[in-house]
Amino acid sequence: MRFLEYFLLEQAKQRKDVESVITYLAEPLIEHLIKILKWQDELNYKKHCISIEDFIFDIEKKSKLKGNKLPKQKDYFRWIFNDVVQNQYIVDKWINSLHNYHELKVIRTNEEVFIELKRIIFELSKDLPYQKVKNIEFYLKG
């Protein structure tokens, strides 16, 4: 195999590995965001924020590509949002699966949760390539 082909193959493999790690970490991050966005849960709000920030920190730490480069904004958005959430139907299913939360006060419709989730991840993905992520409450307030 020629050097250029080998180099491109290795780069693609490493990029796929980073994508897999970010997508894996995005799932619990999204779930905590859904819990915050859908229901009023004053007892667990801070715990969810801390968990979200931990997952974001892990994403930042594990997203280095070859040459210490970071993925672009569109990559972060695709890997965190599109690869995990995909559409509102997925959010509806996710919300329905969170049975322990259904007794809490609902603060948004499922559609509003989907829209807010997309906005938050979009804003977050703009800061991730520069490793200038702010406190999660900054993104929640929008």
N, C-alpha and C. Protein backbone atom coordinates (compact mmCIF):
# COMPACT_ATOMS: atom_id res chain seq x y z
N MET A 1 0.85 -1.17 0.00
CA MET A 1 0.00 0.00 0.00
C MET A 1 0.90 1.24 0.00
N ARG A 2 0.57 2.17 -0.81
CA ARG A 2 1.36 3.39 -0.88
C ARG A 2 1.18 4.22 0.37
N PHE A 3 2.17 5.06 0.65
CA PHE A 3 2.17 5.86 1.87
C PHE A 3 0.93 6.74 1.98
N LEU A 4 0.56 7.44 0.90
CA LEU A 4 -0.60 8.33 0.94
C LEU A 4 -1.87 7.56 1.25
N GLU A 5 -2.06 6.40 0.63
CA GLU A 5 -3.24 5.59 0.91
C GLU A 5 -3.25 5.13 2.37
N TYR A 6 -2.07 4.71 2.87
CA TYR A 6 -1.96 4.28 4.26
C TYR A 6 -2.26 5.44 5.20
N PHE A 7 -1.70 6.62 4.91
CA PHE A 7 -1.92 7.80 5.74
C PHE A 7 -3.40 8.16 5.78
N LEU A 8 -4.06 8.18 4.63
CA LEU A 8 -5.49 8.52 4.57
C LEU A 8 -6.34 7.48 5.29
N LEU A 9 -5.98 6.20 5.15
CA LEU A 9 -6.70 5.14 5.84
C LEU A 9 -6.55 5.28 7.35
N GLU A 10 -5.34 5.54 7.82
CA GLU A 10 -5.10 5.71 9.26
C GLU A 10 -5.84 6.93 9.79
N GLN A 11 -5.84 8.01 9.03
CA GLN A 11 -6.54 9.22 9.44
C GLN A 11 -8.04 8.96 9.53
N ALA A 12 -8.58 8.27 8.56
CA ALA A 12 -10.01 7.97 8.56
C ALA A 12 -10.37 7.06 9.73
N LYS A 13 -9.51 6.08 10.01
CA LYS A 13 -9.76 5.18 11.12
C LYS A 13 -9.76 5.95 12.44
N GLN A 14 -8.76 6.79 12.62
CA GLN A 14 -8.67 7.55 13.86
C GLN A 14 -9.87 8.49 13.99
N ARG A 15 -10.29 9.10 12.92
CA ARG A 15 -11.45 9.99 12.92
C ARG A 15 -12.71 9.20 13.31
N LYS A 16 -12.84 8.00 12.79
CA LYS A 16 -13.99 7.14 13.11
C LYS A 16 -13.96 6.76 14.59
N ASP A 17 -12.77 6.52 15.14
CA ASP A 17 -12.64 6.20 16.56
C ASP A 17 -13.11 7.38 17.43
N VAL A 18 -12.69 8.59 17.06
CA VAL A 18 -13.10 9.78 17.80
C VAL A 18 -14.61 9.96 17.69
N GLU A 19 -15.16 9.76 16.51
CA GLU A 19 -16.61 9.85 16.32
C GLU A 19 -17.33 8.86 17.23
N SER A 20 -16.85 7.63 17.29
CA SER A 20 -17.49 6.61 18.14
C SER A 20 -17.47 7.00 19.61
N VAL A 21 -16.35 7.51 20.07
CA VAL A 21 -16.23 7.91 21.48
C VAL A 21 -17.18 9.08 21.78
N ILE A 22 -17.20 10.06 20.90
CA ILE A 22 -18.06 11.23 21.12
C ILE A 22 -19.53 10.82 21.09
N THR A 23 -19.92 10.00 20.15
CA THR A 23 -21.31 9.54 20.08
C THR A 23 -21.68 8.74 21.32
N TYR A 24 -20.77 7.92 21.79
CA TYR A 24 -21.00 7.13 23.01
C TYR A 24 -21.21 8.06 24.21
N LEU A 25 -20.38 9.08 24.35
CA LEU A 25 -20.51 10.03 25.45
C LEU A 25 -21.72 10.95 25.29
N ALA A 26 -22.15 11.15 24.06
CA ALA A 26 -23.28 12.05 23.81
C ALA A 26 -24.60 11.48 24.31
N GLU A 27 -24.75 10.17 24.30
CA GLU A 27 -26.02 9.57 24.70
C GLU A 27 -26.42 9.94 26.13
N PRO A 28 -25.57 9.73 27.15
CA PRO A 28 -25.98 10.14 28.49
C PRO A 28 -26.08 11.66 28.63
N LEU A 29 -25.25 12.40 27.91
CA LEU A 29 -25.34 13.86 27.93
C LEU A 29 -26.73 14.30 27.46
N ILE A 30 -27.18 13.75 26.34
CA ILE A 30 -28.49 14.07 25.79
C ILE A 30 -29.60 13.69 26.78
N GLU A 31 -29.47 12.53 27.41
CA GLU A 31 -30.50 12.10 28.35
C GLU A 31 -30.62 13.07 29.53
N HIS A 32 -29.50 13.52 30.06
CA HIS A 32 -29.56 14.49 31.15
C HIS A 32 -30.17 15.81 30.68
N LEU A 33 -29.83 16.23 29.47
CA LEU A 33 -30.44 17.45 28.92
C LEU A 33 -31.94 17.29 28.76
N ILE A 34 -32.38 16.15 28.28
CA ILE A 34 -33.82 15.91 28.13
C ILE A 34 -34.50 16.01 29.49
N LYS A 35 -33.92 15.43 30.51
CA LYS A 35 -34.52 15.49 31.85
C LYS A 35 -34.66 16.92 32.34
N ILE A 36 -33.65 17.73 32.10
CA ILE A 36 -33.69 19.15 32.52
C ILE A 36 -34.69 19.93 31.69
N LEU A 37 -34.73 19.67 30.39
CA LEU A 37 -35.58 20.44 29.50
C LEU A 37 -37.06 20.07 29.60
N LYS A 38 -37.36 18.84 29.93
CA LYS A 38 -38.74 18.36 29.93
C LYS A 38 -39.46 18.60 31.27
N TRP A 39 -38.74 18.36 32.37
CA TRP A 39 -39.40 18.37 33.68
C TRP A 39 -38.75 19.33 34.66
N GLN A 40 -39.57 19.82 35.57
CA GLN A 40 -39.06 20.63 36.67
C GLN A 40 -38.67 19.67 37.79
N ASP A 41 -37.38 19.61 38.04
CA ASP A 41 -36.85 18.67 39.04
C ASP A 41 -35.78 19.38 39.85
N GLU A 42 -36.22 20.20 40.79
CA GLU A 42 -35.29 21.02 41.57
C GLU A 42 -34.32 20.18 42.39
N LEU A 43 -34.74 19.00 42.82
CA LEU A 43 -33.87 18.15 43.62
C LEU A 43 -32.66 17.64 42.84
N ASN A 44 -32.86 17.37 41.56
CA ASN A 44 -31.79 16.76 40.76
C ASN A 44 -31.19 17.68 39.70
N TYR A 45 -31.65 18.91 39.62
CA TYR A 45 -31.19 19.83 38.58
C TYR A 45 -29.67 19.98 38.58
N LYS A 46 -29.10 20.30 39.74
CA LYS A 46 -27.64 20.49 39.85
C LYS A 46 -26.88 19.21 39.49
N LYS A 47 -27.42 18.07 39.94
CA LYS A 47 -26.78 16.79 39.65
C LYS A 47 -26.73 16.56 38.13
N HIS A 48 -27.83 16.88 37.45
CA HIS A 48 -27.85 16.73 36.00
C HIS A 48 -26.85 17.68 35.33
N CYS A 49 -26.77 18.90 35.81
CA CYS A 49 -25.82 19.87 35.25
C CYS A 49 -24.39 19.39 35.42
N ILE A 50 -24.07 18.87 36.60
CA ILE A 50 -22.72 18.36 36.86
C ILE A 50 -22.42 17.18 35.93
N SER A 51 -23.38 16.29 35.78
CA SER A 51 -23.18 15.14 34.88
C SER A 51 -22.97 15.59 33.44
N ILE A 52 -23.75 16.55 32.99
CA ILE A 52 -23.61 17.07 31.63
C ILE A 52 -22.22 17.66 31.45
N GLU A 53 -21.78 18.45 32.40
CA GLU A 53 -20.46 19.07 32.30
C GLU A 53 -19.35 18.02 32.32
N ASP A 54 -19.54 16.95 33.08
CA ASP A 54 -18.56 15.85 33.08
C ASP A 54 -18.47 15.20 31.70
N PHE A 55 -19.62 14.96 31.08
CA PHE A 55 -19.61 14.35 29.74
C PHE A 55 -19.00 15.29 28.71
N ILE A 56 -19.28 16.58 28.84
CA ILE A 56 -18.69 17.56 27.92
C ILE A 56 -17.17 17.59 28.10
N PHE A 57 -16.72 17.56 29.34
CA PHE A 57 -15.28 17.53 29.62
C PHE A 57 -14.64 16.29 28.98
N ASP A 58 -15.29 15.14 29.12
CA ASP A 58 -14.77 13.91 28.51
C ASP A 58 -14.74 14.02 26.99
N ILE A 59 -15.76 14.64 26.41
CA ILE A 59 -15.78 14.83 24.96
C ILE A 59 -14.61 15.72 24.54
N GLU A 60 -14.40 16.80 25.26
CA GLU A 60 -13.27 17.69 24.95
C GLU A 60 -11.94 16.94 25.04
N LYS A 61 -11.80 16.15 26.09
CA LYS A 61 -10.55 15.45 26.36
C LYS A 61 -10.28 14.36 25.33
N LYS A 62 -11.31 13.72 24.81
CA LYS A 62 -11.14 12.55 23.95
C LYS A 62 -11.38 12.84 22.47
N SER A 63 -11.41 14.11 22.09
CA SER A 63 -11.73 14.41 20.70
C SER A 63 -10.54 14.89 19.88
N LYS A 64 -9.35 14.61 20.35
CA LYS A 64 -8.16 15.00 19.59
C LYS A 64 -7.97 14.07 18.39
N LEU A 65 -7.77 14.70 17.24
CA LEU A 65 -7.46 13.96 16.03
C LEU A 65 -5.94 13.96 15.85
N LYS A 66 -5.47 13.32 14.80
CA LYS A 66 -4.02 13.30 14.53
C LYS A 66 -3.50 14.73 14.44
N GLY A 67 -2.30 14.93 14.93
CA GLY A 67 -1.69 16.25 14.90
C GLY A 67 -2.30 17.20 15.91
N ASN A 68 -2.94 16.66 16.94
CA ASN A 68 -3.59 17.46 17.99
C ASN A 68 -4.68 18.38 17.46
N LYS A 69 -5.24 18.06 16.31
CA LYS A 69 -6.33 18.84 15.75
C LYS A 69 -7.63 18.41 16.42
N LEU A 70 -8.59 19.31 16.37
CA LEU A 70 -9.92 19.03 16.92
C LEU A 70 -10.92 18.98 15.78
N PRO A 71 -11.99 18.21 15.94
CA PRO A 71 -13.02 18.18 14.91
C PRO A 71 -13.63 19.57 14.70
N LYS A 72 -14.25 19.74 13.58
CA LYS A 72 -14.92 21.00 13.26
C LYS A 72 -16.30 21.04 13.91
N GLN A 73 -16.88 22.23 13.93
CA GLN A 73 -18.20 22.44 14.54
C GLN A 73 -19.23 21.49 13.94
N LYS A 74 -19.24 21.36 12.63
CA LYS A 74 -20.24 20.51 11.97
C LYS A 74 -20.07 19.04 12.37
N ASP A 75 -18.81 18.63 12.63
CA ASP A 75 -18.56 17.26 13.07
C ASP A 75 -19.12 17.03 14.47
N TYR A 76 -18.81 17.95 15.38
CA TYR A 76 -19.35 17.82 16.74
C TYR A 76 -20.87 17.77 16.72
N PHE A 77 -21.48 18.67 15.96
CA PHE A 77 -22.95 18.70 15.91
C PHE A 77 -23.50 17.38 15.35
N ARG A 78 -22.90 16.92 14.29
CA ARG A 78 -23.38 15.67 13.68
C ARG A 78 -23.20 14.50 14.65
N TRP A 79 -22.03 14.39 15.28
CA TRP A 79 -21.75 13.26 16.15
C TRP A 79 -22.55 13.29 17.44
N ILE A 80 -22.80 14.49 17.97
CA ILE A 80 -23.55 14.59 19.23
C ILE A 80 -25.05 14.61 18.98
N PHE A 81 -25.48 15.37 18.01
CA PHE A 81 -26.93 15.52 17.81
C PHE A 81 -27.46 14.56 16.75
N ASN A 82 -27.02 14.70 15.53
CA ASN A 82 -27.59 13.91 14.42
C ASN A 82 -27.42 12.41 14.60
N ASP A 83 -26.25 11.98 15.07
CA ASP A 83 -26.00 10.54 15.22
C ASP A 83 -26.76 9.94 16.40
N VAL A 84 -27.11 10.75 17.39
CA VAL A 84 -27.77 10.25 18.59
C VAL A 84 -29.27 10.54 18.57
N VAL A 85 -29.64 11.76 18.26
CA VAL A 85 -31.05 12.17 18.33
C VAL A 85 -31.78 11.91 17.02
N GLN A 86 -31.22 12.34 15.94
CA GLN A 86 -31.75 12.15 14.58
C GLN A 86 -33.04 12.91 14.30
N ASN A 87 -34.08 12.71 15.10
CA ASN A 87 -35.35 13.39 14.83
C ASN A 87 -36.20 13.44 16.10
N GLN A 88 -37.33 14.11 16.00
CA GLN A 88 -38.18 14.28 17.17
C GLN A 88 -38.77 12.96 17.66
N TYR A 89 -39.00 12.04 16.77
CA TYR A 89 -39.54 10.74 17.16
C TYR A 89 -38.63 10.06 18.18
N ILE A 90 -37.32 10.17 18.00
CA ILE A 90 -36.35 9.59 18.94
C ILE A 90 -36.49 10.27 20.30
N VAL A 91 -36.63 11.59 20.30
CA VAL A 91 -36.82 12.32 21.56
C VAL A 91 -38.12 11.89 22.23
N ASP A 92 -39.18 11.72 21.47
CA ASP A 92 -40.46 11.25 22.03
C ASP A 92 -40.29 9.89 22.70
N LYS A 93 -39.62 8.98 22.02
CA LYS A 93 -39.38 7.64 22.59
C LYS A 93 -38.53 7.73 23.86
N TRP A 94 -37.51 8.58 23.82
CA TRP A 94 -36.62 8.75 24.96
C TRP A 94 -37.41 9.27 26.17
N ILE A 95 -38.22 10.29 25.94
CA ILE A 95 -39.04 10.87 27.01
C ILE A 95 -39.99 9.82 27.57
N ASN A 96 -40.63 9.06 26.71
CA ASN A 96 -41.56 8.01 27.17
C ASN A 96 -40.87 6.94 27.99
N SER A 97 -39.59 6.71 27.74
CA SER A 97 -38.86 5.66 28.47
C SER A 97 -38.44 6.09 29.87
N LEU A 98 -38.50 7.37 30.15
CA LEU A 98 -38.05 7.89 31.46
C LEU A 98 -39.22 7.90 32.45
N HIS A 99 -39.67 6.72 32.80
CA HIS A 99 -40.87 6.55 33.62
C HIS A 99 -40.79 7.23 34.98
N ASN A 100 -39.62 7.25 35.59
CA ASN A 100 -39.47 7.85 36.92
C ASN A 100 -39.73 9.36 36.92
N TYR A 101 -39.69 9.96 35.76
CA TYR A 101 -39.86 11.41 35.67
C TYR A 101 -41.29 11.84 35.34
N HIS A 102 -42.12 10.93 34.97
CA HIS A 102 -43.45 11.28 34.48
C HIS A 102 -44.36 11.89 35.55
N GLU A 103 -44.00 11.75 36.79
CA GLU A 103 -44.80 12.35 37.86
C GLU A 103 -44.39 13.79 38.15
N LEU A 104 -43.28 14.22 37.59
CA LEU A 104 -42.81 15.59 37.79
C LEU A 104 -43.59 16.56 36.91
N LYS A 105 -43.52 17.83 37.27
CA LYS A 105 -44.19 18.86 36.50
C LYS A 105 -43.51 19.02 35.14
N VAL A 106 -44.29 18.94 34.07
CA VAL A 106 -43.81 19.11 32.69
C VAL A 106 -43.65 20.61 32.43
N ILE A 107 -42.49 21.00 31.90
CA ILE A 107 -42.27 22.42 31.62
C ILE A 107 -42.16 22.72 30.12
N ARG A 108 -42.05 21.67 29.29
CA ARG A 108 -42.00 21.85 27.84
C ARG A 108 -42.68 20.67 27.14
N THR A 109 -43.20 20.94 25.98
CA THR A 109 -43.71 19.86 25.14
C THR A 109 -42.53 19.09 24.58
N ASN A 110 -42.79 17.92 24.05
CA ASN A 110 -41.71 17.13 23.43
C ASN A 110 -41.09 17.89 22.25
N GLU A 111 -41.92 18.57 21.50
CA GLU A 111 -41.41 19.34 20.36
C GLU A 111 -40.49 20.46 20.85
N GLU A 112 -40.88 21.14 21.91
CA GLU A 112 -40.03 22.21 22.46
C GLU A 112 -38.71 21.64 22.99
N VAL A 113 -38.77 20.46 23.60
CA VAL A 113 -37.55 19.80 24.08
C VAL A 113 -36.62 19.53 22.90
N PHE A 114 -37.17 19.00 21.82
CA PHE A 114 -36.37 18.71 20.63
C PHE A 114 -35.72 19.98 20.09
N ILE A 115 -36.48 21.05 19.98
CA ILE A 115 -35.97 22.32 19.45
C ILE A 115 -34.87 22.88 20.35
N GLU A 116 -35.10 22.88 21.65
CA GLU A 116 -34.10 23.38 22.60
C GLU A 116 -32.84 22.52 22.60
N LEU A 117 -33.04 21.24 22.54
CA LEU A 117 -31.91 20.31 22.51
C LEU A 117 -31.03 20.59 21.29
N LYS A 118 -31.66 20.77 20.17
CA LYS A 118 -30.93 21.06 18.93
C LYS A 118 -30.19 22.39 19.05
N ARG A 119 -30.83 23.40 19.62
CA ARG A 119 -30.20 24.71 19.80
C ARG A 119 -28.99 24.62 20.73
N ILE A 120 -29.16 23.94 21.85
CA ILE A 120 -28.08 23.83 22.83
C ILE A 120 -26.88 23.09 22.24
N ILE A 121 -27.13 21.98 21.57
CA ILE A 121 -26.03 21.21 20.98
C ILE A 121 -25.36 22.01 19.87
N PHE A 122 -26.13 22.76 19.11
CA PHE A 122 -25.55 23.60 18.06
C PHE A 122 -24.61 24.64 18.68
N GLU A 123 -25.08 25.32 19.72
CA GLU A 123 -24.25 26.34 20.39
C GLU A 123 -23.02 25.71 21.03
N LEU A 124 -23.21 24.59 21.67
CA LEU A 124 -22.11 23.87 22.30
C LEU A 124 -21.08 23.44 21.26
N SER A 125 -21.56 22.95 20.12
CA SER A 125 -20.65 22.47 19.07
C SER A 125 -19.85 23.61 18.44
N LYS A 126 -20.31 24.85 18.58
CA LYS A 126 -19.54 25.99 18.09
C LYS A 126 -18.34 26.27 19.00
N ASP A 127 -18.45 25.94 20.28
CA ASP A 127 -17.38 26.22 21.24
C ASP A 127 -16.40 25.04 21.40
N LEU A 128 -16.85 23.83 21.14
CA LEU A 128 -15.99 22.66 21.33
C LEU A 128 -14.70 22.67 20.49
N PRO A 129 -14.72 23.09 19.23
CA PRO A 129 -13.47 23.07 18.45
C PRO A 129 -12.39 24.01 19.00
N TYR A 130 -12.81 24.97 19.79
CA TYR A 130 -11.88 25.94 20.36
C TYR A 130 -11.62 25.67 21.84
N GLN A 131 -12.24 24.62 22.36
CA GLN A 131 -12.17 24.24 23.76
C GLN A 131 -12.46 25.43 24.66
N LYS A 132 -13.53 26.13 24.31
CA LYS A 132 -13.97 27.30 25.08
C LYS A 132 -15.41 27.09 25.54
N VAL A 133 -15.69 25.89 26.00
CA VAL A 133 -17.04 25.55 26.45
C VAL A 133 -17.34 26.27 27.75
N LYS A 134 -18.52 26.84 27.82
CA LYS A 134 -18.95 27.55 29.01
C LYS A 134 -19.73 26.61 29.92
N ASN A 135 -20.09 27.10 31.07
CA ASN A 135 -20.93 26.38 32.01
C ASN A 135 -22.23 25.98 31.30
N ILE A 136 -22.75 24.80 31.56
CA ILE A 136 -23.96 24.32 30.86
C ILE A 136 -25.15 25.25 31.05
N GLU A 137 -25.22 25.91 32.18
CA GLU A 137 -26.34 26.82 32.42
C GLU A 137 -26.33 28.00 31.43
N PHE A 138 -25.17 28.37 30.93
CA PHE A 138 -25.08 29.39 29.90
C PHE A 138 -25.86 28.95 28.66
N TYR A 139 -25.69 27.71 28.25
CA TYR A 139 -26.36 27.19 27.06
C TYR A 139 -27.85 26.96 27.32
N LEU A 140 -28.18 26.58 28.54
CA LEU A 140 -29.59 26.36 28.88
C LEU A 140 -30.39 27.66 28.83
N LYS A 141 -29.77 28.74 29.20
CA LYS A 141 -30.47 30.03 29.20
C LYS A 141 -30.59 30.60 27.80
N GLY A 142 -29.65 30.24 26.95
CA GLY A 142 -29.68 30.64 25.56
C GLY A 142 -29.88 32.09 25.37
